[in-house]
Each structure stands twice: as structure tokens, then as C-alpha cells.
Amino acid sequence: MSKRKYVKYGIGFLFIAAAMVTLMGYATMYLWNWLIPEIFGGTTVTFWQAIGLIALGKLLTGFMSWGPKSWGKHHMGYKGQHWRAKMEAKLANMTPEEREKFKKYYYDRCGWKTPQDLTENPTNQTA
């Protein structure tokens, strides 16, 4: 990509970022001024105070990047895959009796009926 395209993309990004900050600021200001004085008896805020509230919220809750890899290791799919691999490894090292005992313990702990219980008593399937 040429240098000219990078400059165009940079200017476009700055324009979109400024538009988003402005939109979020006005949305925050409007919602605050509509709800907070009515509900809590608070004061109204200006546009710049609304921008400050957004910045404060981001500081307190953490900045989250955008994009396909933004969730990284914290993405639920990753956790699920990691947990599944860990459980499969644990179950693979057990004898069939230990595996059944382990499964029964967790079904009982969660209050679920085991698949065996459901096949033995199909009319009572409340889990």
C-alpha cells in the first residue's frame, strides 16, 4: 500500500473516531439529562462532562480493543475449549468405574438427572 493510502486511511479513521466520540458524548448527555434529574434528583451535565463520564467509565471498567481478536484468551469460546480439553484429559486417565463415579458426582452436584436415570424413568424428566 502506498503512503498516500495510509494518509487517507488515517484521516478517515480520525474523522470516524471524532464522529463516534461526538455521538457517544451527545447520547450520554441526553440520556443523563433525561433520566438522572428525574430519578435521582441529580443535576444535568454538559457535553464535555458527558465525555468525562465516558472516559471515567472506560477507566473503571477497562478499555477493550475492537476487532476479531479483541477478546483473546478471555473469549468464552477459548475458555470452553480449554475447559473441554482439560476435562477430556482428566477423563482419559480414569478407569471406566472412576469415570462413571465422577460423572454421577457432577450430575448430582448440579441437580441434573444422569442420562441413565432418564432412560430408566423417562416420564420424570425434570432437570
Protein backbone atom coordinates (compact mmCIF):
# COMPACT_ATOMS: atom_id res chain seq x y z
CA MET A 1 0.00 0.00 0.00
CA SER A 2 1.29 3.43 -0.86
CA LYS A 3 1.96 6.19 1.63
CA ARG A 4 -0.93 8.21 0.16
CA LYS A 5 -3.41 5.44 1.06
CA TYR A 6 -2.10 5.29 4.63
CA VAL A 7 -2.66 9.04 4.96
CA LYS A 8 -6.19 8.70 3.53
CA TYR A 9 -6.98 5.85 5.92
CA GLY A 10 -5.52 7.80 8.84
CA ILE A 11 -7.63 10.88 8.07
CA GLY A 12 -10.69 8.67 7.62
CA PHE A 13 -10.03 6.94 10.93
CA LEU A 14 -9.64 10.26 12.75
CA PHE A 15 -12.88 11.53 11.22
CA ILE A 16 -14.79 8.38 12.23
CA ALA A 17 -13.26 8.42 15.73
CA ALA A 18 -14.22 12.08 16.21
CA ALA A 19 -17.74 11.35 14.96
CA MET A 20 -18.08 8.40 17.35
CA VAL A 21 -16.83 10.40 20.34
CA THR A 22 -19.24 13.21 19.48
CA LEU A 23 -22.15 10.81 19.03
CA MET A 24 -21.40 8.98 22.28
CA GLY A 25 -20.97 12.28 24.13
CA TYR A 26 -24.31 13.64 22.97
CA ALA A 27 -26.05 10.31 23.62
CA THR A 28 -24.62 10.16 27.15
CA MET A 29 -25.52 13.79 27.79
CA TYR A 30 -29.08 13.33 26.50
CA LEU A 31 -29.71 10.13 28.47
CA TRP A 32 -28.16 11.53 31.65
CA ASN A 33 -30.13 14.77 31.46
CA TRP A 34 -33.32 12.84 30.70
CA LEU A 35 -33.00 10.20 33.43
CA ILE A 36 -30.78 11.25 36.34
CA PRO A 37 -32.52 14.51 37.39
CA GLU A 38 -35.91 12.80 37.21
CA ILE A 39 -34.95 9.59 39.00
CA PHE A 40 -32.30 10.68 41.49
CA GLY A 41 -32.75 14.45 41.62
CA GLY A 42 -29.25 14.98 40.22
CA THR A 43 -28.02 17.86 38.13
CA THR A 44 -27.70 17.99 34.37
CA VAL A 45 -24.36 17.61 32.60
CA THR A 46 -22.74 19.39 29.68
CA PHE A 47 -21.29 17.73 26.59
CA TRP A 48 -17.75 17.81 27.99
CA GLN A 49 -18.90 16.40 31.32
CA ALA A 50 -20.58 13.57 29.39
CA ILE A 51 -17.28 12.89 27.58
CA GLY A 52 -15.62 12.83 31.01
CA LEU A 53 -18.19 10.33 32.26
CA ILE A 54 -17.48 8.08 29.30
CA ALA A 55 -13.73 8.31 29.96
CA LEU A 56 -14.27 7.60 33.67
CA GLY A 57 -16.41 4.58 32.82
CA LYS A 58 -13.72 3.26 30.49
CA LEU A 59 -11.05 3.76 33.14
CA LEU A 60 -13.10 1.91 35.76
CA THR A 61 -14.24 -0.96 33.56
CA GLY A 62 -11.17 -1.30 31.36
CA PHE A 63 -10.50 -0.42 27.78
CA MET A 64 -11.50 -3.14 25.38
CA SER A 65 -9.98 -3.18 21.94
CA TRP A 66 -12.10 -3.83 18.88
CA GLY A 67 -11.57 -6.44 16.22
CA PRO A 68 -11.72 -10.17 15.67
CA LYS A 69 -9.00 -10.96 18.23
CA SER A 70 -10.05 -8.38 20.79
CA TRP A 71 -11.28 -10.89 23.37
CA GLY A 72 -8.16 -13.04 23.24
CA LYS A 73 -7.95 -15.63 25.99
CA HIS A 74 -10.98 -14.14 27.74
CA HIS A 75 -13.36 -15.08 24.95
CA MET A 76 -15.92 -17.66 26.03
CA GLY A 77 -15.06 -19.97 23.15
CA TYR A 78 -11.45 -20.14 24.28
CA LYS A 79 -12.43 -20.88 27.87
CA GLY A 80 -14.84 -23.56 26.73
CA GLN A 81 -12.23 -25.23 24.54
CA HIS A 82 -9.62 -25.06 27.28
CA TRP A 83 -12.01 -26.48 29.86
CA ARG A 84 -13.16 -29.22 27.49
CA ALA A 85 -9.58 -30.30 26.71
CA LYS A 86 -8.73 -30.32 30.41
CA MET A 87 -11.78 -32.45 31.27
CA GLU A 88 -11.15 -34.88 28.40
CA ALA A 89 -7.56 -35.35 29.58
CA LYS A 90 -8.77 -35.96 33.13
CA LEU A 91 -11.42 -38.47 32.00
CA ALA A 92 -8.95 -40.26 29.69
CA ASN A 93 -6.72 -41.13 32.66
CA MET A 94 -9.59 -42.72 34.63
CA THR A 95 -10.87 -46.25 34.64
CA PRO A 96 -14.47 -46.72 33.40
CA GLU A 97 -15.67 -47.13 37.01
CA GLU A 98 -13.91 -43.94 38.12
CA ARG A 99 -15.32 -42.12 35.09
CA GLU A 100 -18.90 -43.16 35.92
CA LYS A 101 -18.44 -42.22 39.58
CA PHE A 102 -17.04 -38.85 38.53
CA LYS A 103 -19.91 -38.16 36.12
CA LYS A 104 -22.52 -39.21 38.70
CA TYR A 105 -20.94 -36.91 41.30
CA TYR A 106 -21.16 -33.90 38.97
CA TYR A 107 -24.68 -34.70 37.76
CA ASP A 108 -25.80 -34.97 41.39
CA ARG A 109 -23.92 -31.83 42.36
CA CYS A 110 -25.64 -29.81 39.61
CA GLY A 111 -29.04 -31.33 40.34
CA TRP A 112 -29.28 -32.94 36.91
CA LYS A 113 -30.56 -36.39 36.13
CA THR A 114 -27.95 -38.63 34.59
CA PRO A 115 -28.63 -40.00 31.09
CA GLN A 116 -29.04 -43.43 32.70
CA ASP A 117 -31.72 -42.10 35.07
CA LEU A 118 -33.59 -40.58 32.15
CA THR A 119 -33.61 -43.84 30.19
CA GLU A 120 -34.74 -45.81 33.25
CA ASN A 121 -37.52 -43.35 34.16
CA PRO A 122 -38.46 -41.33 31.02
CA THR A 123 -41.69 -39.88 32.47
CA ASN A 124 -39.91 -37.88 35.18
CA GLN A 125 -37.52 -35.71 33.15
CA THR A 126 -37.45 -32.58 35.27
CA ALA A 127 -33.89 -31.37 35.46
